[in-house]
C-alpha atoms as a PDB file:
ATOM      1  CA  MET A   1     167.032 192.948 151.495  1.00  0.00           C
ATOM      2  CA  VAL A   2     163.468 194.098 151.001  1.00  0.00           C
ATOM      3  CA  SER A   3     162.757 197.394 149.268  1.00  0.00           C
ATOM      4  CA  ALA A   4     159.426 198.974 150.232  1.00  0.00           C
ATOM      5  CA  ILE A   5     157.737 201.152 147.622  1.00  0.00           C
ATOM      6  CA  ILE A   6     154.929 203.531 148.604  1.00  0.00           C
ATOM      7  CA  PRO A   7     153.125 205.575 145.927  1.00  0.00           C
ATOM      8  CA  ALA A   8     151.662 208.719 147.507  1.00  0.00           C
ATOM      9  CA  ARG A   9     149.231 211.248 146.057  1.00  0.00           C
ATOM     10  CA  ASN A  10     147.681 213.732 148.494  1.00  0.00           C
ATOM     11  CA  GLU A  11     148.257 211.564 151.568  1.00  0.00           C
ATOM     12  CA  GLU A  12     149.280 214.138 154.173  1.00  0.00           C
ATOM     13  CA  ALA A  13     146.830 212.724 156.750  1.00  0.00           C
ATOM     14  CA  SER A  14     148.273 209.203 156.751  1.00  0.00           C
ATOM     15  CA  ILE A  15     151.709 209.167 155.121  1.00  0.00           C
ATOM     16  CA  ALA A  16     153.784 209.613 158.303  1.00  0.00           C
ATOM     17  CA  ARG A  17     152.192 206.664 160.105  1.00  0.00           C
ATOM     18  CA  ALA A  18     152.630 204.420 157.058  1.00  0.00           C
ATOM     19  CA  VAL A  19     156.261 205.316 156.399  1.00  0.00           C
ATOM     20  CA  GLU A  20     157.279 205.083 160.048  1.00  0.00           C
ATOM     21  CA  SER A  21     155.691 201.648 160.439  1.00  0.00           C
ATOM     22  CA  VAL A  22     157.377 200.338 157.290  1.00  0.00           C
ATOM     23  CA  ALA A  23     160.778 201.820 158.151  1.00  0.00           C
ATOM     24  CA  ALA A  24     160.619 200.137 161.574  1.00  0.00           C
ATOM     25  CA  GLN A  25     160.663 196.678 159.951  1.00  0.00           C
ATOM     26  CA  PRO A  26     164.251 195.357 160.307  1.00  0.00           C
ATOM     27  CA  GLU A  27     163.980 193.275 157.108  1.00  0.00           C
ATOM     28  CA  ILE A  28     163.359 196.412 155.040  1.00  0.00           C
ATOM     29  CA  GLY A  29     166.543 198.081 153.846  1.00  0.00           C
ATOM     30  CA  GLU A  30     165.012 201.043 152.063  1.00  0.00           C
ATOM     31  CA  VAL A  31     161.657 202.798 151.894  1.00  0.00           C
ATOM     32  CA  ILE A  32     161.092 204.494 148.548  1.00  0.00           C
ATOM     33  CA  VAL A  33     158.182 206.927 148.648  1.00  0.00           C
ATOM     34  CA  VAL A  34     157.096 208.232 145.262  1.00  0.00           C
ATOM     35  CA  ASP A  35     155.249 211.547 145.429  1.00  0.00           C
ATOM     36  CA  ASP A  36     152.738 211.438 142.598  1.00  0.00           C
ATOM     37  CA  GLN A  37     152.181 215.160 141.982  1.00  0.00           C
ATOM     38  CA  SER A  38     150.596 215.805 145.382  1.00  0.00           C
ATOM     39  CA  THR A  39     148.967 219.188 145.875  1.00  0.00           C
ATOM     40  CA  ASP A  40     148.541 219.060 149.668  1.00  0.00           C
ATOM     41  CA  GLY A  41     151.134 218.814 152.435  1.00  0.00           C
ATOM     42  CA  THR A  42     152.451 215.399 151.408  1.00  0.00           C
ATOM     43  CA  ALA A  43     155.757 216.763 150.101  1.00  0.00           C
ATOM     44  CA  SER A  44     156.495 218.611 153.344  1.00  0.00           C
ATOM     45  CA  ALA A  45     155.659 215.538 155.411  1.00  0.00           C
ATOM     46  CA  LEU A  46     157.942 213.394 153.261  1.00  0.00           C
ATOM     47  CA  ALA A  47     160.814 215.881 153.545  1.00  0.00           C
ATOM     48  CA  GLU A  48     160.561 215.743 157.328  1.00  0.00           C
ATOM     49  CA  LEU A  49     160.429 211.933 157.310  1.00  0.00           C
ATOM     50  CA  ALA A  50     163.494 211.706 155.066  1.00  0.00           C
ATOM     51  CA  ARG A  51     165.458 213.975 157.432  1.00  0.00           C
ATOM     52  CA  ARG A  52     164.959 211.740 160.459  1.00  0.00           C
ATOM     53  CA  LEU A  53     164.621 208.260 158.941  1.00  0.00           C
ATOM     54  CA  PRO A  54     167.793 207.153 157.090  1.00  0.00           C
ATOM     55  CA  LYS A  55     165.945 204.390 155.224  1.00  0.00           C
ATOM     56  CA  VAL A  56     163.518 206.792 153.562  1.00  0.00           C
ATOM     57  CA  LYS A  57     164.143 207.974 150.018  1.00  0.00           C
ATOM     58  CA  VAL A  58     161.691 210.392 148.412  1.00  0.00           C
ATOM     59  CA  MET A  59     161.187 210.541 144.657  1.00  0.00           C
ATOM     60  CA  ASN A  60     158.929 212.513 142.361  1.00  0.00           C
ATOM     61  CA  ALA A  61     156.827 210.541 139.903  1.00  0.00           C
ATOM     62  CA  GLY A  62     156.950 213.328 137.344  1.00  0.00           C
ATOM     63  CA  ASP A  63     154.340 213.767 134.635  1.00  0.00           C
ATOM     64  CA  LEU A  64     151.947 210.897 134.111  1.00  0.00           C
ATOM     65  CA  PRO A  65     152.607 209.286 130.696  1.00  0.00           C
ATOM     66  CA  ARG A  66     149.677 208.688 128.415  1.00  0.00           C
ATOM     67  CA  GLY A  67     148.004 205.319 128.940  1.00  0.00           C
ATOM     68  CA  TRP A  68     149.145 204.910 132.554  1.00  0.00           C
ATOM     69  CA  VAL A  69     147.163 204.817 135.784  1.00  0.00           C
ATOM     70  CA  GLY A  70     148.839 207.105 138.316  1.00  0.00           C
ATOM     71  CA  LYS A  71     149.465 204.507 141.025  1.00  0.00           C
ATOM     72  CA  ASN A  72     150.962 202.066 138.528  1.00  0.00           C
ATOM     73  CA  HIS A  73     153.330 204.702 137.187  1.00  0.00           C
ATOM     74  CA  ALA A  74     154.470 205.769 140.659  1.00  0.00           C
ATOM     75  CA  ALA A  75     154.992 202.140 141.695  1.00  0.00           C
ATOM     76  CA  GLY A  76     156.998 201.477 138.540  1.00  0.00           C
ATOM     77  CA  VAL A  77     159.161 204.567 139.103  1.00  0.00           C
ATOM     78  CA  GLY A  78     159.941 203.370 142.621  1.00  0.00           C
ATOM     79  CA  ALA A  79     160.635 199.793 141.555  1.00  0.00           C
ATOM     80  CA  ALA A  80     163.120 200.982 138.930  1.00  0.00           C
ATOM     81  CA  GLN A  81     165.261 202.529 141.687  1.00  0.00           C
ATOM     82  CA  ALA A  82     164.874 199.737 144.244  1.00  0.00           C
ATOM     83  CA  LYS A  83     167.857 197.564 145.176  1.00  0.00           C
ATOM     84  CA  GLY A  84     166.162 194.797 147.106  1.00  0.00           C
ATOM     85  CA  GLU A  85     165.782 191.132 146.177  1.00  0.00           C
ATOM     86  CA  TRP A  86     162.151 191.457 147.271  1.00  0.00           C
ATOM     87  CA  LEU A  87     159.845 194.390 146.556  1.00  0.00           C
ATOM     88  CA  LEU A  88     157.094 195.341 148.987  1.00  0.00           C
ATOM     89  CA  PHE A  89     154.392 197.458 147.357  1.00  0.00           C
ATOM     90  CA  THR A  90     152.188 199.050 149.979  1.00  0.00           C
ATOM     91  CA  ASP A  91     149.821 202.003 150.277  1.00  0.00           C
ATOM     92  CA  ALA A  92     150.210 205.298 152.079  1.00  0.00           C
ATOM     93  CA  ASP A  93     147.158 204.575 154.261  1.00  0.00           C
ATOM     94  CA  THR A  94     148.507 201.340 155.796  1.00  0.00           C
ATOM     95  CA  TYR A  95     150.047 200.618 159.176  1.00  0.00           C
ATOM     96  CA  HIS A  96     152.470 197.691 159.398  1.00  0.00           C
ATOM     97  CA  LEU A  97     152.620 196.034 162.787  1.00  0.00           C
ATOM     98  CA  PRO A  98     155.954 194.749 164.143  1.00  0.00           C
ATOM     99  CA  GLY A  99     156.916 191.536 162.397  1.00  0.00           C
ATOM    100  CA  ALA A 100     154.768 192.134 159.308  1.00  0.00           C
ATOM    101  CA  THR A 101     157.596 191.861 156.771  1.00  0.00           C
ATOM    102  CA  ARG A 102     159.131 188.843 158.516  1.00  0.00           C
ATOM    103  CA  ARG A 103     155.729 187.145 158.431  1.00  0.00           C
ATOM    104  CA  ALA A 104     155.447 187.757 154.686  1.00  0.00           C
ATOM    105  CA  LEU A 105     158.949 186.431 153.998  1.00  0.00           C
ATOM    106  CA  VAL A 106     158.238 183.311 156.060  1.00  0.00           C
ATOM    107  CA  ASP A 107     154.969 182.797 154.170  1.00  0.00           C
ATOM    108  CA  ALA A 108     156.858 183.123 150.883  1.00  0.00           C
ATOM    109  CA  VAL A 109     159.263 180.362 151.939  1.00  0.00           C
ATOM    110  CA  ASP A 110     156.615 178.115 153.501  1.00  0.00           C
ATOM    111  CA  HIS A 111     154.382 178.290 150.420  1.00  0.00           C
ATOM    112  CA  ASN A 112     157.155 178.517 147.805  1.00  0.00           C
ATOM    113  CA  ALA A 113     155.495 181.722 146.591  1.00  0.00           C
ATOM    114  CA  VAL A 114     156.993 184.545 144.568  1.00  0.00           C
ATOM    115  CA  LEU A 115     154.105 186.827 145.541  1.00  0.00           C
ATOM    116  CA  VAL A 116     152.596 187.173 149.010  1.00  0.00           C
ATOM    117  CA  SER A 117     149.655 189.502 149.520  1.00  0.00           C
ATOM    118  CA  TYR A 118     147.682 190.352 152.640  1.00  0.00           C
ATOM    119  CA  SER A 119     144.243 191.892 152.919  1.00  0.00           C
ATOM    120  CA  PRO A 120     144.667 194.329 155.825  1.00  0.00           C
ATOM    121  CA  GLU A 121     142.418 194.711 158.838  1.00  0.00           C
ATOM    122  CA  GLN A 122     140.058 197.626 158.246  1.00  0.00           C
ATOM    123  CA  GLU A 123     139.924 200.597 160.644  1.00  0.00           C
ATOM    124  CA  LEU A 124     136.321 201.798 160.485  1.00  0.00           C
ATOM    125  CA  GLU A 125     135.436 205.017 162.319  1.00  0.00           C
ATOM    126  CA  THR A 126     132.138 206.130 160.764  1.00  0.00           C
ATOM    127  CA  TRP A 127     128.793 204.428 160.238  1.00  0.00           C
ATOM    128  CA  TRP A 128     129.129 204.532 156.465  1.00  0.00           C
ATOM    129  CA  GLU A 129     132.504 202.797 156.625  1.00  0.00           C
ATOM    130  CA  ARG A 130     131.036 200.113 158.914  1.00  0.00           C
ATOM    131  CA  ALA A 131     128.040 199.689 156.624  1.00  0.00           C
ATOM    132  CA  LEU A 132     129.718 199.408 153.236  1.00  0.00           C
ATOM    133  CA  ILE A 133     133.271 198.114 153.664  1.00  0.00           C
ATOM    134  CA  PRO A 134     132.526 194.931 155.662  1.00  0.00           C
ATOM    135  CA  TYR A 135     129.645 194.156 153.302  1.00  0.00           C
ATOM    136  CA  ILE A 136     131.973 194.462 150.292  1.00  0.00           C
ATOM    137  CA  PHE A 137     134.669 192.307 151.823  1.00  0.00           C
ATOM    138  CA  CYS A 138     132.123 189.652 152.801  1.00  0.00           C
ATOM    139  CA  ARG A 139     130.983 189.549 149.178  1.00  0.00           C
ATOM    140  CA  LEU A 140     134.584 189.364 147.961  1.00  0.00           C
ATOM    141  CA  ALA A 141     135.272 186.516 150.393  1.00  0.00           C
ATOM    142  CA  ALA A 142     132.358 184.639 148.844  1.00  0.00           C
ATOM    143  CA  LYS A 143     133.719 185.266 145.345  1.00  0.00           C
ATOM    144  CA  PHE A 144     137.459 184.799 145.861  1.00  0.00           C
ATOM    145  CA  SER A 145     138.412 181.580 147.638  1.00  0.00           C
ATOM    146  CA  TYR A 146     141.826 181.777 149.273  1.00  0.00           C
ATOM    147  CA  ALA A 147     142.172 178.010 148.833  1.00  0.00           C
ATOM    148  CA  ARG A 148     141.626 178.254 145.064  1.00  0.00           C
ATOM    149  CA  ILE A 149     143.817 181.342 144.707  1.00  0.00           C
ATOM    150  CA  ASN A 150     146.687 179.669 146.549  1.00  0.00           C
ATOM    151  CA  SER A 151     146.350 176.363 144.695  1.00  0.00           C
ATOM    152  CA  SER A 152     148.364 175.671 141.567  1.00  0.00           C
ATOM    153  CA  ASP A 153     145.500 173.458 140.376  1.00  0.00           C
ATOM    154  CA  HIS A 154     143.210 176.443 139.825  1.00  0.00           C
ATOM    155  CA  GLN A 155     143.542 179.538 137.649  1.00  0.00           C
ATOM    156  CA  ASP A 156     141.885 181.835 140.220  1.00  0.00           C
ATOM    157  CA  ALA A 157     144.184 184.699 141.205  1.00  0.00           C
ATOM    158  CA  ALA A 158     143.850 187.798 143.362  1.00  0.00           C
ATOM    159  CA  ALA A 159     145.884 190.122 145.543  1.00  0.00           C
ATOM    160  CA  ASN A 160     145.414 193.284 147.585  1.00  0.00           C
ATOM    161  CA  GLY A 161     147.529 196.226 146.460  1.00  0.00           C
ATOM    162  CA  GLN A 162     147.769 197.514 150.015  1.00  0.00           C
ATOM    163  CA  PHE A 163     150.332 194.793 150.739  1.00  0.00           C
ATOM    164  CA  ILE A 164     152.127 192.888 147.984  1.00  0.00           C
ATOM    165  CA  LEU A 165     155.540 191.345 148.569  1.00  0.00           C
ATOM    166  CA  ILE A 166     156.982 190.049 145.286  1.00  0.00           C
ATOM    167  CA  LEU A 167     160.300 188.521 144.285  1.00  0.00           C
ATOM    168  CA  ARG A 168     162.104 191.039 142.135  1.00  0.00           C
ATOM    169  CA  ASP A 169     163.155 188.491 139.488  1.00  0.00           C
ATOM    170  CA  ALA A 170     159.547 187.348 139.011  1.00  0.00           C
ATOM    171  CA  TYR A 171     158.308 190.957 138.925  1.00  0.00           C
ATOM    172  CA  GLU A 172     160.777 191.880 136.194  1.00  0.00           C
ATOM    173  CA  GLN A 173     160.147 188.677 134.270  1.00  0.00           C
ATOM    174  CA  GLY A 174     156.457 189.595 134.219  1.00  0.00           C
ATOM    175  CA  GLY A 175     157.204 193.042 132.809  1.00  0.00           C
ATOM    176  CA  GLY A 176     156.695 194.955 136.065  1.00  0.00           C
ATOM    177  CA  HIS A 177     154.062 197.656 136.262  1.00  0.00           C
ATOM    178  CA  ALA A 178     154.698 198.621 132.638  1.00  0.00           C
ATOM    179  CA  ALA A 179     152.898 195.416 131.648  1.00  0.00           C
ATOM    180  CA  ILE A 180     149.781 196.487 133.571  1.00  0.00           C
ATOM    181  CA  LYS A 181     150.138 200.244 133.177  1.00  0.00           C
ATOM    182  CA  GLY A 182     146.500 200.942 132.274  1.00  0.00           C
ATOM    183  CA  GLU A 183     144.880 198.504 134.709  1.00  0.00           C
ATOM    184  CA  VAL A 184     142.746 200.150 137.390  1.00  0.00           C
ATOM    185  CA  LEU A 185     142.666 196.808 139.247  1.00  0.00           C
ATOM    186  CA  GLU A 186     146.418 196.419 139.049  1.00  0.00           C
ATOM    187  CA  ASP A 187     146.835 194.192 142.102  1.00  0.00           C
ATOM    188  CA  VAL A 188     144.590 191.426 140.772  1.00  0.00           C
ATOM    189  CA  GLU A 189     146.160 191.663 137.323  1.00  0.00           C
ATOM    190  CA  LEU A 190     149.667 191.387 138.773  1.00  0.00           C
ATOM    191  CA  ALA A 191     148.635 188.222 140.631  1.00  0.00           C
ATOM    192  CA  ARG A 192     147.067 186.816 137.456  1.00  0.00           C
ATOM    193  CA  ARG A 193     150.248 187.415 135.503  1.00  0.00           C
ATOM    194  CA  MET A 194     152.353 185.633 138.107  1.00  0.00           C
ATOM    195  CA  LYS A 195     150.049 182.633 138.126  1.00  0.00           C
ATOM    196  CA  ARG A 196     149.810 182.459 134.331  1.00  0.00           C
ATOM    197  CA  MET A 197     153.603 182.364 134.244  1.00  0.00           C
ATOM    198  CA  GLY A 198     153.547 179.269 136.441  1.00  0.00           C
ATOM    199  CA  PHE A 199     154.528 180.917 139.726  1.00  0.00           C
ATOM    200  CA  THR A 200     152.877 180.220 143.068  1.00  0.00           C
ATOM    201  CA  ILE A 201     151.120 183.074 144.861  1.00  0.00           C
ATOM    202  CA  TYR A 202     149.901 183.238 148.449  1.00  0.00           C
ATOM    203  CA  PHE A 203     147.010 185.502 149.459  1.00  0.00           C
ATOM    204  CA  THR A 204     145.370 185.644 152.870  1.00  0.00           C
ATOM    205  CA  ALA A 205     143.859 187.969 155.474  1.00  0.00           C
ATOM    206  CA  PRO A 206     145.952 187.595 158.633  1.00  0.00           C
ATOM    207  CA  TYR A 207     145.177 189.190 161.978  1.00  0.00           C
ATOM    208  CA  GLY A 208     147.704 191.473 163.663  1.00  0.00           C
ATOM    209  CA  VAL A 209     149.924 192.084 160.611  1.00  0.00           C
ATOM    210  CA  VAL A 210     148.770 195.175 158.703  1.00  0.00           C
ATOM    211  CA  ARG A 211     145.902 197.634 159.109  1.00  0.00           C
ATOM    212  CA  THR A 212     144.423 200.394 157.018  1.00  0.00           C
ATOM    213  CA  ARG A 213     141.855 203.130 157.028  1.00  0.00           C
ATOM    214  CA  MET A 214     141.058 203.297 153.358  1.00  0.00           C
ATOM    215  CA  TYR A 215     138.816 206.362 153.211  1.00  0.00           C
ATOM    216  CA  ARG A 216     138.462 209.410 155.417  1.00  0.00           C
ATOM    217  CA  SER A 217     135.389 210.869 153.723  1.00  0.00           C
ATOM    218  CA  PHE A 218     132.207 209.512 152.184  1.00  0.00           C
ATOM    219  CA  ARG A 219     133.118 211.038 148.829  1.00  0.00           C
ATOM    220  CA  ALA A 220     136.525 209.331 148.805  1.00  0.00           C
ATOM    221  CA  MET A 221     134.906 206.018 149.729  1.00  0.00           C
ATOM    222  CA  TRP A 222     132.346 206.364 146.949  1.00  0.00           C
ATOM    223  CA  GLU A 223     135.015 207.255 144.365  1.00  0.00           C
ATOM    224  CA  GLY A 224     137.309 204.474 145.535  1.00  0.00           C
ATOM    225  CA  TRP A 225     134.758 201.693 145.305  1.00  0.00           C
ATOM    226  CA  THR A 226     133.110 202.918 142.112  1.00  0.00           C
ATOM    227  CA  LYS A 227     136.595 202.715 140.620  1.00  0.00           C
ATOM    228  CA  ASN A 228     137.021 199.049 141.551  1.00  0.00           C
ATOM    229  CA  LEU A 229     133.763 197.289 142.351  1.00  0.00           C
ATOM    230  CA  TYR A 230     132.554 196.478 138.829  1.00  0.00           C
ATOM    231  CA  ALA A 231     135.902 194.862 137.979  1.00  0.00           C
ATOM    232  CA  LEU A 232     136.008 193.042 141.317  1.00  0.00           C
ATOM    233  CA  SER A 233     132.520 191.662 140.794  1.00  0.00           C
ATOM    234  CA  GLY A 234     133.618 190.050 137.550  1.00  0.00           C
ATOM    235  CA  GLY A 235     133.932 192.886 135.060  1.00  0.00           C
ATOM    236  CA  ASP A 236     130.904 191.910 132.982  1.00  0.00           C
ATOM    237  CA  SER A 237     127.187 192.692 133.017  1.00  0.00           C
ATOM    238  CA  LYS A 238     126.142 189.165 133.991  1.00  0.00           C
ATOM    239  CA  SER A 239     128.295 189.222 137.124  1.00  0.00           C
ATOM    240  CA  ALA A 240     127.131 192.734 138.003  1.00  0.00           C
ATOM    241  CA  ILE A 241     123.462 191.735 137.670  1.00  0.00           C
ATOM    242  CA  TRP A 242     124.065 188.686 139.859  1.00  0.00           C
ATOM    243  CA  GLU A 243     125.718 190.816 142.548  1.00  0.00           C
ATOM    244  CA  LEU A 244     122.975 193.419 142.354  1.00  0.00           C
ATOM    245  CA  GLY A 245     120.352 190.706 142.703  1.00  0.00           C
ATOM    246  CA  HIS A 246     122.113 189.327 145.770  1.00  0.00           C
ATOM    247  CA  ALA A 247     122.298 192.737 147.404  1.00  0.00           C
ATOM    248  CA  LEU A 248     118.633 193.492 146.782  1.00  0.00           C
ATOM    249  CA  SER A 249     117.269 189.956 147.113  1.00  0.00           C
ATOM    250  CA  LEU A 250     115.583 190.456 150.479  1.00  0.00           C
ATOM    251  CA  PRO A 251     113.676 193.682 149.674  1.00  0.00           C
ATOM    252  CA  LEU A 252     112.786 192.311 146.235  1.00  0.00           C
ATOM    253  CA  LEU A 253     111.432 189.081 147.694  1.00  0.00           C
ATOM    254  CA  VAL A 254     109.450 190.958 150.335  1.00  0.00           C
ATOM    255  CA  ALA A 255     108.012 193.358 147.763  1.00  0.00           C
ATOM    256  CA  PHE A 256     107.096 190.496 145.417  1.00  0.00           C
ATOM    257  CA  PHE A 257     105.427 188.529 148.180  1.00  0.00           C
ATOM    258  CA  PHE A 258     103.325 191.382 149.488  1.00  0.00           C
ATOM    259  CA  LEU A 259     102.312 192.494 146.020  1.00  0.00           C
ATOM    260  CA  SER A 260     101.303 188.986 144.950  1.00  0.00           C
ATOM    261  CA  ASN A 261      99.554 188.136 148.232  1.00  0.00           C
ATOM    262  CA  GLY A 262      97.934 191.439 149.060  1.00  0.00           C
ATOM    263  CA  LYS A 263      94.563 189.941 150.022  1.00  0.00           C
ATOM    264  CA  ALA A 264      96.095 187.437 152.441  1.00  0.00           C
ATOM    265  CA  VAL A 265      98.216 190.140 154.049  1.00  0.00           C
ATOM    266  CA  ILE A 266      95.188 192.375 154.545  1.00  0.00           C
ATOM    267  CA  GLU A 267      93.204 189.537 156.123  1.00  0.00           C
ATOM    268  CA  ALA A 268      95.975 188.503 158.553  1.00  0.00           C
ATOM    269  CA  PRO A 269      98.451 191.379 158.844  1.00  0.00           C
ATOM    270  CA  GLY A 270      99.815 190.338 162.244  1.00  0.00           C
ATOM    271  CA  PHE A 271     100.780 186.869 161.029  1.00  0.00           C
ATOM    272  CA  TRP A 272     102.514 188.065 157.890  1.00  0.00           C
ATOM    273  CA  LEU A 273     104.341 190.833 159.710  1.00  0.00           C
ATOM    274  CA  SER A 274     105.624 188.144 162.072  1.00  0.00           C
ATOM    275  CA  VAL A 275     106.817 186.134 159.087  1.00  0.00           C
ATOM    276  CA  LEU A 276     108.580 189.225 157.766  1.00  0.00           C
ATOM    277  CA  ALA A 277     110.225 189.808 161.143  1.00  0.00           C
ATOM    278  CA  VAL A 278     111.502 186.222 161.246  1.00  0.00           C
ATOM    279  CA  ALA A 279     112.887 186.588 157.714  1.00  0.00           C
ATOM    280  CA  LEU A 280     114.706 189.784 158.671  1.00  0.00           C
ATOM    281  CA  VAL A 281     116.179 188.158 161.780  1.00  0.00           C
ATOM    282  CA  ALA A 282     117.341 185.158 159.740  1.00  0.00           C
ATOM    283  CA  TRP A 283     118.886 187.437 157.100  1.00  0.00           C
ATOM    284  CA  HIS A 284     120.768 189.395 159.744  1.00  0.00           C
ATOM    285  CA  GLY A 285     121.903 186.140 161.336  1.00  0.00           C
ATOM    286  CA  LEU A 286     123.386 184.902 158.070  1.00  0.00           C
ATOM    287  CA  TYR A 287     125.200 188.205 157.651  1.00  0.00           C
ATOM    288  CA  GLY A 288     126.508 187.868 161.201  1.00  0.00           C
ATOM    289  CA  ILE A 289     128.079 184.539 160.242  1.00  0.00           C
ATOM    290  CA  GLU A 290     129.731 186.148 157.216  1.00  0.00           C
ATOM    291  CA  LEU A 291     131.067 188.970 159.395  1.00  0.00           C
ATOM    292  CA  TYR A 292     132.479 186.486 161.910  1.00  0.00           C
ATOM    293  CA  ARG A 293     134.222 184.492 159.188  1.00  0.00           C
ATOM    294  CA  SER A 294     135.711 187.693 157.753  1.00  0.00           C
ATOM    295  CA  LEU A 295     136.965 188.785 161.212  1.00  0.00           C
ATOM    296  CA  TYR A 296     134.566 191.715 161.611  1.00  0.00           C
ATOM    297  CA  PRO A 297     132.548 192.379 164.792  1.00  0.00           C
ATOM    298  CA  VAL A 298     129.224 190.553 164.626  1.00  0.00           C
ATOM    299  CA  SER A 299     127.633 193.716 166.034  1.00  0.00           C
ATOM    300  CA  TYR A 300     127.959 195.190 162.530  1.00  0.00           C
ATOM    301  CA  ILE A 301     124.833 193.247 161.548  1.00  0.00           C
ATOM    302  CA  LYS A 302     122.923 196.401 162.471  1.00  0.00           C
ATOM    303  CA  TYR A 303     124.392 197.995 159.338  1.00  0.00           C
ATOM    304  CA  LEU A 304     123.112 195.279 156.993  1.00  0.00           C
ATOM    305  CA  VAL A 305     120.280 197.250 155.373  1.00  0.00           C
ATOM    306  CA  PRO A 306     122.259 200.469 154.749  1.00  0.00           C
ATOM    307  CA  GLY A 307     125.200 198.310 153.671  1.00  0.00           C
ATOM    308  CA  MET A 308     123.088 196.535 151.043  1.00  0.00           C
ATOM    309  CA  CYS A 309     121.720 199.830 149.767  1.00  0.00           C
ATOM    310  CA  LEU A 310     125.145 201.461 149.551  1.00  0.00           C
ATOM    311  CA  TYR A 311     126.584 198.369 147.878  1.00  0.00           C
ATOM    312  CA  ALA A 312     123.844 198.393 145.253  1.00  0.00           C
ATOM    313  CA  GLY A 313     124.351 202.105 144.594  1.00  0.00           C
ATOM    314  CA  VAL A 314     128.129 201.806 144.309  1.00  0.00           C
ATOM    315  CA  LEU A 315     127.854 198.759 142.056  1.00  0.00           C
ATOM    316  CA  VAL A 316     125.426 200.459 139.661  1.00  0.00           C
ATOM    317  CA  SER A 317     127.623 203.571 139.551  1.00  0.00           C
ATOM    318  CA  SER A 318     130.772 201.497 139.014  1.00  0.00           C
ATOM    319  CA  TRP A 319     129.016 199.488 136.299  1.00  0.00           C
ATOM    320  CA  TRP A 320     127.980 202.653 134.458  1.00  0.00           C
ATOM    321  CA  LYS A 321     131.351 204.391 134.772  1.00  0.00           C
ATOM    322  CA  SER A 322     133.238 201.300 133.661  1.00  0.00           C
ATOM    323  CA  THR A 323     131.095 200.658 130.603  1.00  0.00           C
ATOM    324  CA  HIS A 324     129.837 204.078 129.508  1.00  0.00           C
ATOM    325  CA  GLY A 325     131.936 206.754 131.129  1.00  0.00           C
ATOM    326  CA  THR A 326     135.143 207.469 132.987  1.00  0.00           C
ATOM    327  CA  ILE A 327     136.463 206.577 136.421  1.00  0.00           C
ATOM    328  CA  GLU A 328     137.533 209.384 138.745  1.00  0.00           C
ATOM    329  CA  TRP A 329     140.162 208.998 141.432  1.00  0.00           C
ATOM    330  CA  LYS A 330     142.206 211.628 143.271  1.00  0.00           C
ATOM    331  CA  GLY A 331     141.628 214.358 140.758  1.00  0.00           C
ATOM    332  CA  ARG A 332     142.296 212.230 137.688  1.00  0.00           C
ATOM    333  CA  ARG A 333     139.873 210.706 135.204  1.00  0.00           C
ATOM    334  CA  TYR A 334     140.497 207.348 133.586  1.00  0.00           C
ATOM    335  CA  THR A 335     138.852 205.245 130.942  1.00  0.00           C
ATOM    336  CA  PRO A 336     138.920 201.572 131.986  1.00  0.00           C
ATOM    337  CA  LYS A 337     142.182 199.898 130.853  1.00  0.00           C
ATOM    338  CA  ALA A 338     143.178 202.981 128.905  1.00  0.00           C
ATOM    339  CA  GLY A 339     144.902 205.143 131.475  1.00  0.00           C
ATOM    340  CA  GLU A 340     144.266 208.828 132.142  1.00  0.00           C
ATOM    341  CA  VAL A 341     141.893 210.806 129.947  1.00  0.00           C
END
């Protein structure tokens, strides 16, 4: 049996769709939803779901202990009550298509993996979602190689907390969420622990398995990515500078060229503007290839420039918060790796 565990904090807009889609999976015997001190209508929605879906069990996370990140605590509370041989940790903003759990179990057997994680398809409804989120995932695809992550010959490890299926015995052997209680990037750390212990993990981005709309407002998107992006980029200043340079490479190169060749540009402006146009077209074309490989519509190339600018802004903010300040998420403030302030 698979036990699904869904931490939920202020998720009234999406919780019903997530729970219903998970409960519809025949391989899942119980759906444990842990209400993490929600202040909106999440509790009422969960009560209604529990009344009509026999698989659903609602729990309260209770007070957040010192040193814990809220999601990690809620996930740990749910796991402690789960009865399944496999634990499926998933988010309240996901939608699991029919066959999703079966696919994950088959992948676990086929790859001899104790942890299977999927990066969901992204539902993008606003221009700022289409600008930033595909750009981020294209950069992550360049940084995290699925082949290296899934190979026992390499130490690379990663996972997506929106869908993690893990063998209960391996989870408990690794100390569960208590072992990563203060980690903001808990999904990647859980995968690292499994791999360091000698287990095989399997991470991929399948089509037609699970979907998500991560953020429903610009503010939530900004908070969400400033919480994670610095750590995802490498968690050190060198990696952050490299990523920032990549994001701003085109405008920096253009500015450097025009400033260092001002006389030539003035003498033949039409020619150099043509060169600039060709460079922009080539840059958009390369981004189009990245979008295609990451299963996003190639038409999103029109968001390249705002995507680069947003990425740079989020990265700088995430860098500052992670090294000099605190990270804010859903009404709580955390110091990196130290839990709630």
